[in-house]
Amino acid sequence: MKEKVYSYLRMIPKGKVVTYGQIGEYLGNKNYCRAIGNILHNNPDPITNPCFKVVNSKGELSGNFGDIGGIETQRKRLEEDGVEVVNYKVDLDKYQWK
């Protein structure tokens, strides 16, 4: 399952985000959110596997983002990728990859 999650992350276009549930649906079970969170938290290569592009179903950034710098690192990477972040939240209508 881990490699399928990382493969999915690599498909997300620049300037777009996905939700944990979206990844779960891709894997065949929307309820895999907790397992997906654990996989992302232990991502061995966040450059190749851009886990910063994953937000919750409300568009909120992760308070437990795995990198040094936490949520601020996720915000910075999203903004560098072209995603506007307001109050640690992303507009899913505008930025969600479908």
PDB file of N, CA and C in Angstrom:
ATOM      1  N   MET A   1       0.819  -1.192   0.000  1.00  0.00           N
ATOM      2  CA  MET A   1       0.000   0.000   0.000  1.00  0.00           C
ATOM      3  C   MET A   1       0.867   1.262   0.000  1.00  0.00           C
ATOM      4  N   LYS A   2       1.966   1.204   0.693  1.00  0.00           N
ATOM      5  CA  LYS A   2       2.853   2.363   0.795  1.00  0.00           C
ATOM      6  C   LYS A   2       3.302   2.859  -0.575  1.00  0.00           C
ATOM      7  N   GLU A   3       3.731   1.963  -1.428  1.00  0.00           N
ATOM      8  CA  GLU A   3       4.207   2.376  -2.754  1.00  0.00           C
ATOM      9  C   GLU A   3       3.082   2.944  -3.619  1.00  0.00           C
ATOM     10  N   LYS A   4       1.855   2.425  -3.444  1.00  0.00           N
ATOM     11  CA  LYS A   4       0.719   2.974  -4.186  1.00  0.00           C
ATOM     12  C   LYS A   4       0.422   4.407  -3.742  1.00  0.00           C
ATOM     13  N   VAL A   5       0.565   4.680  -2.445  1.00  0.00           N
ATOM     14  CA  VAL A   5       0.363   6.039  -1.942  1.00  0.00           C
ATOM     15  C   VAL A   5       1.411   6.968  -2.542  1.00  0.00           C
ATOM     16  N   TYR A   6       2.671   6.557  -2.508  1.00  0.00           N
ATOM     17  CA  TYR A   6       3.745   7.402  -3.040  1.00  0.00           C
ATOM     18  C   TYR A   6       3.582   7.610  -4.548  1.00  0.00           C
ATOM     19  N   SER A   7       3.154   6.574  -5.246  1.00  0.00           N
ATOM     20  CA  SER A   7       2.919   6.685  -6.682  1.00  0.00           C
ATOM     21  C   SER A   7       1.817   7.706  -6.968  1.00  0.00           C
ATOM     22  N   TYR A   8       0.759   7.682  -6.174  1.00  0.00           N
ATOM     23  CA  TYR A   8      -0.343   8.628  -6.338  1.00  0.00           C
ATOM     24  C   TYR A   8       0.141  10.065  -6.107  1.00  0.00           C
ATOM     25  N   LEU A   9       0.956  10.261  -5.079  1.00  0.00           N
ATOM     26  CA  LEU A   9       1.481  11.597  -4.786  1.00  0.00           C
ATOM     27  C   LEU A   9       2.244  12.163  -5.979  1.00  0.00           C
ATOM     28  N   ARG A  10       2.980  11.315  -6.652  1.00  0.00           N
ATOM     29  CA  ARG A  10       3.794  11.771  -7.789  1.00  0.00           C
ATOM     30  C   ARG A  10       2.938  12.156  -8.998  1.00  0.00           C
ATOM     31  N   MET A  11       1.664  11.763  -9.012  1.00  0.00           N
ATOM     32  CA  MET A  11       0.771  12.107 -10.127  1.00  0.00           C
ATOM     33  C   MET A  11       0.112  13.476  -9.955  1.00  0.00           C
ATOM     34  N   ILE A  12       0.119  14.019  -8.756  1.00  0.00           N
ATOM     35  CA  ILE A  12      -0.587  15.280  -8.486  1.00  0.00           C
ATOM     36  C   ILE A  12       0.114  16.421  -9.221  1.00  0.00           C
ATOM     37  N   PRO A  13      -0.606  17.155 -10.046  1.00  0.00           N
ATOM     38  CA  PRO A  13       0.008  18.246 -10.808  1.00  0.00           C
ATOM     39  C   PRO A  13       0.449  19.411  -9.909  1.00  0.00           C
ATOM     40  N   LYS A  14       1.338  20.192 -10.432  1.00  0.00           N
ATOM     41  CA  LYS A  14       1.787  21.409  -9.753  1.00  0.00           C
ATOM     42  C   LYS A  14       0.575  22.299  -9.490  1.00  0.00           C
ATOM     43  N   GLY A  15       0.537  22.872  -8.286  1.00  0.00           N
ATOM     44  CA  GLY A  15      -0.534  23.786  -7.936  1.00  0.00           C
ATOM     45  C   GLY A  15      -1.831  23.124  -7.519  1.00  0.00           C
ATOM     46  N   LYS A  16      -1.793  21.815  -7.265  1.00  0.00           N
ATOM     47  CA  LYS A  16      -2.992  21.087  -6.862  1.00  0.00           C
ATOM     48  C   LYS A  16      -2.739  20.315  -5.573  1.00  0.00           C
ATOM     49  N   VAL A  17      -3.828  20.023  -4.850  1.00  0.00           N
ATOM     50  CA  VAL A  17      -3.761  19.234  -3.627  1.00  0.00           C
ATOM     51  C   VAL A  17      -4.781  18.105  -3.710  1.00  0.00           C
ATOM     52  N   VAL A  18      -4.643  17.138  -2.808  1.00  0.00           N
ATOM     53  CA  VAL A  18      -5.624  16.058  -2.660  1.00  0.00           C
ATOM     54  C   VAL A  18      -5.914  15.890  -1.172  1.00  0.00           C
ATOM     55  N   THR A  19      -6.969  15.149  -0.875  1.00  0.00           N
ATOM     56  CA  THR A  19      -7.313  14.865   0.516  1.00  0.00           C
ATOM     57  C   THR A  19      -6.918  13.429   0.862  1.00  0.00           C
ATOM     58  N   TYR A  20      -6.872  13.159   2.167  1.00  0.00           N
ATOM     59  CA  TYR A  20      -6.589  11.797   2.613  1.00  0.00           C
ATOM     60  C   TYR A  20      -7.644  10.841   2.072  1.00  0.00           C
ATOM     61  N   GLY A  21      -8.917  11.269   2.097  1.00  0.00           N
ATOM     62  CA  GLY A  21      -9.999  10.435   1.588  1.00  0.00           C
ATOM     63  C   GLY A  21      -9.867  10.137   0.107  1.00  0.00           C
ATOM     64  N   GLN A  22      -9.382  11.104  -0.623  1.00  0.00           N
ATOM     65  CA  GLN A  22      -9.161  10.917  -2.063  1.00  0.00           C
ATOM     66  C   GLN A  22      -8.134   9.810  -2.302  1.00  0.00           C
ATOM     67  N   ILE A  23      -7.074   9.830  -1.537  1.00  0.00           N
ATOM     68  CA  ILE A  23      -6.052   8.776  -1.667  1.00  0.00           C
ATOM     69  C   ILE A  23      -6.666   7.435  -1.279  1.00  0.00           C
ATOM     70  N   GLY A  24      -7.466   7.436  -0.214  1.00  0.00           N
ATOM     71  CA  GLY A  24      -8.142   6.207   0.203  1.00  0.00           C
ATOM     72  C   GLY A  24      -9.030   5.647  -0.893  1.00  0.00           C
ATOM     73  N   GLU A  25      -9.783   6.526  -1.555  1.00  0.00           N
ATOM     74  CA  GLU A  25     -10.632   6.077  -2.666  1.00  0.00           C
ATOM     75  C   GLU A  25      -9.787   5.462  -3.775  1.00  0.00           C
ATOM     76  N   TYR A  26      -8.652   6.079  -4.061  1.00  0.00           N
ATOM     77  CA  TYR A  26      -7.742   5.556  -5.079  1.00  0.00           C
ATOM     78  C   TYR A  26      -7.275   4.147  -4.701  1.00  0.00           C
ATOM     79  N   LEU A  27      -7.065   3.933  -3.402  1.00  0.00           N
ATOM     80  CA  LEU A  27      -6.611   2.627  -2.920  1.00  0.00           C
ATOM     81  C   LEU A  27      -7.755   1.628  -2.757  1.00  0.00           C
ATOM     82  N   GLY A  28      -9.002   2.114  -2.901  1.00  0.00           N
ATOM     83  CA  GLY A  28     -10.133   1.206  -2.816  1.00  0.00           C
ATOM     84  C   GLY A  28     -10.909   1.263  -1.522  1.00  0.00           C
ATOM     85  N   ASN A  29     -10.508   2.118  -0.569  1.00  0.00           N
ATOM     86  CA  ASN A  29     -11.230   2.225   0.689  1.00  0.00           C
ATOM     87  C   ASN A  29     -11.011   3.607   1.291  1.00  0.00           C
ATOM     88  N   LYS A  30     -12.053   4.409   1.273  1.00  0.00           N
ATOM     89  CA  LYS A  30     -11.973   5.776   1.774  1.00  0.00           C
ATOM     90  C   LYS A  30     -11.603   5.831   3.262  1.00  0.00           C
ATOM     91  N   ASN A  31     -11.797   4.733   3.973  1.00  0.00           N
ATOM     92  CA  ASN A  31     -11.521   4.688   5.410  1.00  0.00           C
ATOM     93  C   ASN A  31     -10.055   4.416   5.749  1.00  0.00           C
ATOM     94  N   TYR A  32      -9.183   4.408   4.765  1.00  0.00           N
ATOM     95  CA  TYR A  32      -7.757   4.193   5.007  1.00  0.00           C
ATOM     96  C   TYR A  32      -7.033   5.457   5.486  1.00  0.00           C
ATOM     97  N   CYS A  33      -7.779   6.500   5.803  1.00  0.00           N
ATOM     98  CA  CYS A  33      -7.169   7.807   6.101  1.00  0.00           C
ATOM     99  C   CYS A  33      -6.077   7.740   7.168  1.00  0.00           C
ATOM    100  N   ARG A  34      -6.316   7.034   8.242  1.00  0.00           N
ATOM    101  CA  ARG A  34      -5.323   6.952   9.318  1.00  0.00           C
ATOM    102  C   ARG A  34      -4.047   6.252   8.831  1.00  0.00           C
ATOM    103  N   ALA A  35      -4.205   5.162   8.103  1.00  0.00           N
ATOM    104  CA  ALA A  35      -3.040   4.451   7.565  1.00  0.00           C
ATOM    105  C   ALA A  35      -2.283   5.338   6.593  1.00  0.00           C
ATOM    106  N   ILE A  36      -3.004   6.081   5.773  1.00  0.00           N
ATOM    107  CA  ILE A  36      -2.366   6.993   4.820  1.00  0.00           C
ATOM    108  C   ILE A  36      -1.592   8.067   5.563  1.00  0.00           C
ATOM    109  N   GLY A  37      -2.179   8.601   6.626  1.00  0.00           N
ATOM    110  CA  GLY A  37      -1.481   9.591   7.446  1.00  0.00           C
ATOM    111  C   GLY A  37      -0.177   9.055   7.992  1.00  0.00           C
ATOM    112  N   ASN A  38      -0.184   7.815   8.452  1.00  0.00           N
ATOM    113  CA  ASN A  38       1.048   7.198   8.971  1.00  0.00           C
ATOM    114  C   ASN A  38       2.086   7.022   7.869  1.00  0.00           C
ATOM    115  N   ILE A  39       1.645   6.630   6.703  1.00  0.00           N
ATOM    116  CA  ILE A  39       2.562   6.464   5.569  1.00  0.00           C
ATOM    117  C   ILE A  39       3.190   7.804   5.208  1.00  0.00           C
ATOM    118  N   LEU A  40       2.373   8.836   5.145  1.00  0.00           N
ATOM    119  CA  LEU A  40       2.893  10.165   4.797  1.00  0.00           C
ATOM    120  C   LEU A  40       3.836  10.688   5.863  1.00  0.00           C
ATOM    121  N   HIS A  41       3.517  10.439   7.116  1.00  0.00           N
ATOM    122  CA  HIS A  41       4.363  10.912   8.210  1.00  0.00           C
ATOM    123  C   HIS A  41       5.749  10.265   8.176  1.00  0.00           C
ATOM    124  N   ASN A  42       5.812   9.057   7.634  1.00  0.00           N
ATOM    125  CA  ASN A  42       7.090   8.329   7.557  1.00  0.00           C
ATOM    126  C   ASN A  42       7.684   8.336   6.156  1.00  0.00           C
ATOM    127  N   ASN A  43       7.285   9.289   5.341  1.00  0.00           N
ATOM    128  CA  ASN A  43       7.758   9.402   3.965  1.00  0.00           C
ATOM    129  C   ASN A  43       9.291   9.534   3.933  1.00  0.00           C
ATOM    130  N   PRO A  44      10.004   8.582   3.314  1.00  0.00           N
ATOM    131  CA  PRO A  44      11.463   8.643   3.294  1.00  0.00           C
ATOM    132  C   PRO A  44      12.031   9.658   2.298  1.00  0.00           C
ATOM    133  N   ASP A  45      11.203  10.132   1.359  1.00  0.00           N
ATOM    134  CA  ASP A  45      11.696  11.042   0.324  1.00  0.00           C
ATOM    135  C   ASP A  45      10.624  12.073  -0.039  1.00  0.00           C
ATOM    136  N   PRO A  46      10.458  13.117   0.806  1.00  0.00           N
ATOM    137  CA  PRO A  46       9.399  14.093   0.558  1.00  0.00           C
ATOM    138  C   PRO A  46       9.593  14.947  -0.691  1.00  0.00           C
ATOM    139  N   ILE A  47      10.759  14.920  -1.289  1.00  0.00           N
ATOM    140  CA  ILE A  47      10.972  15.647  -2.538  1.00  0.00           C
ATOM    141  C   ILE A  47      10.351  14.852  -3.689  1.00  0.00           C
ATOM    142  N   THR A  48      10.657  13.564  -3.761  1.00  0.00           N
ATOM    143  CA  THR A  48      10.114  12.697  -4.804  1.00  0.00           C
ATOM    144  C   THR A  48       8.639  12.392  -4.566  1.00  0.00           C
ATOM    145  N   ASN A  49       8.254  12.220  -3.301  1.00  0.00           N
ATOM    146  CA  ASN A  49       6.877  11.892  -2.905  1.00  0.00           C
ATOM    147  C   ASN A  49       6.296  13.105  -2.177  1.00  0.00           C
ATOM    148  N   PRO A  50       5.712  14.050  -2.901  1.00  0.00           N
ATOM    149  CA  PRO A  50       5.321  15.337  -2.311  1.00  0.00           C
ATOM    150  C   PRO A  50       4.116  15.264  -1.367  1.00  0.00           C
ATOM    151  N   CYS A  51       4.361  14.784  -0.159  1.00  0.00           N
ATOM    152  CA  CYS A  51       3.286  14.624   0.815  1.00  0.00           C
ATOM    153  C   CYS A  51       2.712  15.960   1.283  1.00  0.00           C
ATOM    154  N   PHE A  52       3.410  17.057   1.034  1.00  0.00           N
ATOM    155  CA  PHE A  52       2.897  18.365   1.430  1.00  0.00           C
ATOM    156  C   PHE A  52       1.613  18.717   0.683  1.00  0.00           C
ATOM    157  N   LYS A  53       1.301  17.999  -0.388  1.00  0.00           N
ATOM    158  CA  LYS A  53       0.119  18.277  -1.202  1.00  0.00           C
ATOM    159  C   LYS A  53      -1.146  17.612  -0.665  1.00  0.00           C
ATOM    160  N   VAL A  54      -1.078  17.004   0.514  1.00  0.00           N
ATOM    161  CA  VAL A  54      -2.227  16.317   1.090  1.00  0.00           C
ATOM    162  C   VAL A  54      -2.791  17.151   2.245  1.00  0.00           C
ATOM    163  N   VAL A  55      -4.103  17.423   2.164  1.00  0.00           N
ATOM    164  CA  VAL A  55      -4.805  18.184   3.191  1.00  0.00           C
ATOM    165  C   VAL A  55      -6.018  17.375   3.642  1.00  0.00           C
ATOM    166  N   ASN A  56      -6.671  17.838   4.710  1.00  0.00           N
ATOM    167  CA  ASN A  56      -7.850  17.093   5.155  1.00  0.00           C
ATOM    168  C   ASN A  56      -9.076  17.465   4.321  1.00  0.00           C
ATOM    169  N   SER A  57     -10.206  16.866   4.618  1.00  0.00           N
ATOM    170  CA  SER A  57     -11.413  17.039   3.804  1.00  0.00           C
ATOM    171  C   SER A  57     -11.964  18.461   3.840  1.00  0.00           C
ATOM    172  N   LYS A  58     -11.494  19.278   4.783  1.00  0.00           N
ATOM    173  CA  LYS A  58     -11.903  20.685   4.867  1.00  0.00           C
ATOM    174  C   LYS A  58     -10.877  21.605   4.210  1.00  0.00           C
ATOM    175  N   GLY A  59      -9.800  21.013   3.685  1.00  0.00           N
ATOM    176  CA  GLY A  59      -8.742  21.803   3.069  1.00  0.00           C
ATOM    177  C   GLY A  59      -7.696  22.283   4.054  1.00  0.00           C
ATOM    178  N   GLU A  60      -7.761  21.805   5.282  1.00  0.00           N
ATOM    179  CA  GLU A  60      -6.835  22.252   6.319  1.00  0.00           C
ATOM    180  C   GLU A  60      -5.501  21.513   6.233  1.00  0.00           C
ATOM    181  N   LEU A  61      -4.438  22.249   6.517  1.00  0.00           N
ATOM    182  CA  LEU A  61      -3.106  21.665   6.538  1.00  0.00           C
ATOM    183  C   LEU A  61      -2.963  20.760   7.758  1.00  0.00           C
ATOM    184  N   SER A  62      -1.951  19.918   7.727  1.00  0.00           N
ATOM    185  CA  SER A  62      -1.727  18.966   8.808  1.00  0.00           C
ATOM    186  C   SER A  62      -0.967  19.601   9.962  1.00  0.00           C
ATOM    187  N   GLY A  63      -1.549  19.544  11.137  1.00  0.00           N
ATOM    188  CA  GLY A  63      -0.862  20.018  12.329  1.00  0.00           C
ATOM    189  C   GLY A  63       0.311  19.135  12.693  1.00  0.00           C
ATOM    190  N   ASN A  64       0.348  17.930  12.132  1.00  0.00           N
ATOM    191  CA  ASN A  64       1.425  16.973  12.408  1.00  0.00           C
ATOM    192  C   ASN A  64       2.292  16.735  11.191  1.00  0.00           C
ATOM    193  N   PHE A  65       2.424  17.741  10.331  1.00  0.00           N
ATOM    194  CA  PHE A  65       3.239  17.547   9.135  1.00  0.00           C
ATOM    195  C   PHE A  65       4.620  17.069   9.546  1.00  0.00           C
ATOM    196  N   GLY A  66       5.110  15.999   8.908  1.00  0.00           N
ATOM    197  CA  GLY A  66       6.286  15.263   9.345  1.00  0.00           C
ATOM    198  C   GLY A  66       7.625  15.942   9.256  1.00  0.00           C
ATOM    199  N   ASP A  67       7.753  16.945   8.455  1.00  0.00           N
ATOM    200  CA  ASP A  67       9.039  17.608   8.285  1.00  0.00           C
ATOM    201  C   ASP A  67       9.409  18.466   9.482  1.00  0.00           C
ATOM    202  N   ILE A  68      10.684  18.777   9.591  1.00  0.00           N
ATOM    203  CA  ILE A  68      11.117  19.777  10.549  1.00  0.00           C
ATOM    204  C   ILE A  68      10.434  21.079  10.153  1.00  0.00           C
ATOM    205  N   GLY A  69       9.818  21.744  11.098  1.00  0.00           N
ATOM    206  CA  GLY A  69       9.091  22.969  10.789  1.00  0.00           C
ATOM    207  C   GLY A  69       7.593  22.754  10.743  1.00  0.00           C
ATOM    208  N   GLY A  70       7.149  21.511  10.722  1.00  0.00           N
ATOM    209  CA  GLY A  70       5.736  21.177  10.794  1.00  0.00           C
ATOM    210  C   GLY A  70       4.857  21.893   9.795  1.00  0.00           C
ATOM    211  N   ILE A  71       3.755  22.422  10.305  1.00  0.00           N
ATOM    212  CA  ILE A  71       2.725  23.039   9.474  1.00  0.00           C
ATOM    213  C   ILE A  71       3.257  24.226   8.677  1.00  0.00           C
ATOM    214  N   GLU A  72       4.234  24.934   9.221  1.00  0.00           N
ATOM    215  CA  GLU A  72       4.821  26.071   8.499  1.00  0.00           C
ATOM    216  C   GLU A  72       5.569  25.596   7.251  1.00  0.00           C
ATOM    217  N   THR A  73       6.217  24.457   7.361  1.00  0.00           N
ATOM    218  CA  THR A  73       6.909  23.882   6.202  1.00  0.00           C
ATOM    219  C   THR A  73       5.903  23.488   5.131  1.00  0.00           C
ATOM    220  N   GLN A  74       4.793  22.867   5.541  1.00  0.00           N
ATOM    221  CA  GLN A  74       3.764  22.493   4.571  1.00  0.00           C
ATOM    222  C   GLN A  74       3.205  23.740   3.894  1.00  0.00           C
ATOM    223  N   ARG A  75       2.890  24.777   4.670  1.00  0.00           N
ATOM    224  CA  ARG A  75       2.365  26.023   4.104  1.00  0.00           C
ATOM    225  C   ARG A  75       3.334  26.604   3.085  1.00  0.00           C
ATOM    226  N   LYS A  76       4.600  26.672   3.451  1.00  0.00           N
ATOM    227  CA  LYS A  76       5.620  27.246   2.565  1.00  0.00           C
ATOM    228  C   LYS A  76       5.729  26.442   1.265  1.00  0.00           C
ATOM    229  N   ARG A  77       5.762  25.122   1.363  1.00  0.00           N
ATOM    230  CA  ARG A  77       5.880  24.284   0.159  1.00  0.00           C
ATOM    231  C   ARG A  77       4.665  24.406  -0.744  1.00  0.00           C
ATOM    232  N   LEU A  78       3.483  24.477  -0.144  1.00  0.00           N
ATOM    233  CA  LEU A  78       2.276  24.652  -0.955  1.00  0.00           C
ATOM    234  C   LEU A  78       2.316  25.988  -1.693  1.00  0.00           C
ATOM    235  N   GLU A  79       2.680  27.041  -0.989  1.00  0.00           N
ATOM    236  CA  GLU A  79       2.740  28.352  -1.624  1.00  0.00           C
ATOM    237  C   GLU A  79       3.793  28.388  -2.731  1.00  0.00           C
ATOM    238  N   GLU A  80       4.929  27.746  -2.505  1.00  0.00           N
ATOM    239  CA  GLU A  80       5.964  27.669  -3.547  1.00  0.00           C
ATOM    240  C   GLU A  80       5.464  26.895  -4.759  1.00  0.00           C
ATOM    241  N   ASP A  81       4.510  25.990  -4.536  1.00  0.00           N
ATOM    242  CA  ASP A  81       3.940  25.168  -5.611  1.00  0.00           C
ATOM    243  C   ASP A  81       2.792  25.889  -6.330  1.00  0.00           C
ATOM    244  N   GLY A  82       2.421  27.069  -5.830  1.00  0.00           N
ATOM    245  CA  GLY A  82       1.375  27.843  -6.478  1.00  0.00           C
ATOM    246  C   GLY A  82       0.004  27.740  -5.838  1.00  0.00           C
ATOM    247  N   VAL A  83      -0.060  27.172  -4.630  1.00  0.00           N
ATOM    248  CA  VAL A  83      -1.324  27.005  -3.919  1.00  0.00           C
ATOM    249  C   VAL A  83      -1.433  28.099  -2.851  1.00  0.00           C
ATOM    250  N   GLU A  84      -2.512  28.854  -2.892  1.00  0.00           N
ATOM    251  CA  GLU A  84      -2.737  29.897  -1.894  1.00  0.00           C
ATOM    252  C   GLU A  84      -3.220  29.254  -0.592  1.00  0.00           C
ATOM    253  N   VAL A  85      -2.593  29.646   0.514  1.00  0.00           N
ATOM    254  CA  VAL A  85      -2.964  29.144   1.831  1.00  0.00           C
ATOM    255  C   VAL A  85      -3.398  30.336   2.679  1.00  0.00           C
ATOM    256  N   VAL A  86      -4.613  30.273   3.212  1.00  0.00           N
ATOM    257  CA  VAL A  86      -5.138  31.329   4.066  1.00  0.00           C
ATOM    258  C   VAL A  86      -5.523  30.711   5.408  1.00  0.00           C
ATOM    259  N   ASN A  87      -4.902  31.193   6.479  1.00  0.00           N
ATOM    260  CA  ASN A  87      -5.171  30.647   7.818  1.00  0.00           C
ATOM    261  C   ASN A  87      -4.975  29.129   7.861  1.00  0.00           C
ATOM    262  N   TYR A  88      -3.912  28.658   7.217  1.00  0.00           N
ATOM    263  CA  TYR A  88      -3.552  27.235   7.173  1.00  0.00           C
ATOM    264  C   TYR A  88      -4.646  26.383   6.523  1.00  0.00           C
ATOM    265  N   LYS A  89      -5.306  26.966   5.542  1.00  0.00           N
ATOM    266  CA  LYS A  89      -6.371  26.268   4.827  1.00  0.00           C
ATOM    267  C   LYS A  89      -6.274  26.575   3.337  1.00  0.00           C
ATOM    268  N   VAL A  90      -6.644  25.579   2.518  1.00  0.00           N
ATOM    269  CA  VAL A  90      -6.609  25.666   1.059  1.00  0.00           C
ATOM    270  C   VAL A  90      -8.045  25.630   0.543  1.00  0.00           C
ATOM    271  N   ASP A  91      -8.350  26.409  -0.466  1.00  0.00           N
ATOM    272  CA  ASP A  91      -9.672  26.397  -1.110  1.00  0.00           C
ATOM    273  C   ASP A  91      -9.742  25.169  -2.025  1.00  0.00           C
ATOM    274  N   LEU A  92     -10.460  24.151  -1.572  1.00  0.00           N
ATOM    275  CA  LEU A  92     -10.529  22.911  -2.346  1.00  0.00           C
ATOM    276  C   LEU A  92     -11.257  23.094  -3.670  1.00  0.00           C
ATOM    277  N   ASP A  93     -12.211  24.010  -3.733  1.00  0.00           N
ATOM    278  CA  ASP A  93     -12.903  24.254  -5.005  1.00  0.00           C
ATOM    279  C   ASP A  93     -11.922  24.719  -6.077  1.00  0.00           C
ATOM    280  N   LYS A  94     -10.903  25.427  -5.655  1.00  0.00           N
ATOM    281  CA  LYS A  94      -9.921  25.984  -6.592  1.00  0.00           C
ATOM    282  C   LYS A  94      -8.711  25.077  -6.806  1.00  0.00           C
ATOM    283  N   TYR A  95      -8.234  24.422  -5.749  1.00  0.00           N
ATOM    284  CA  TYR A  95      -6.951  23.724  -5.828  1.00  0.00           C
ATOM    285  C   TYR A  95      -7.004  22.198  -5.771  1.00  0.00           C
ATOM    286  N   GLN A  96      -8.174  21.608  -5.504  1.00  0.00           N
ATOM    287  CA  GLN A  96      -8.217  20.149  -5.414  1.00  0.00           C
ATOM    288  C   GLN A  96      -8.115  19.515  -6.779  1.00  0.00           C
ATOM    289  N   TRP A  97      -7.222  18.546  -6.882  1.00  0.00           N
ATOM    290  CA  TRP A  97      -7.047  17.785  -8.109  1.00  0.00           C
ATOM    291  C   TRP A  97      -8.121  16.712  -8.175  1.00  0.00           C
ATOM    292  N   LYS A  98      -8.817  16.648  -9.296  1.00  0.00           N
ATOM    293  CA  LYS A  98      -9.895  15.660  -9.424  1.00  0.00           C
ATOM    294  C   LYS A  98      -9.682  14.776 -10.616  1.00  0.00           C
TER     295      LYS A  98
END
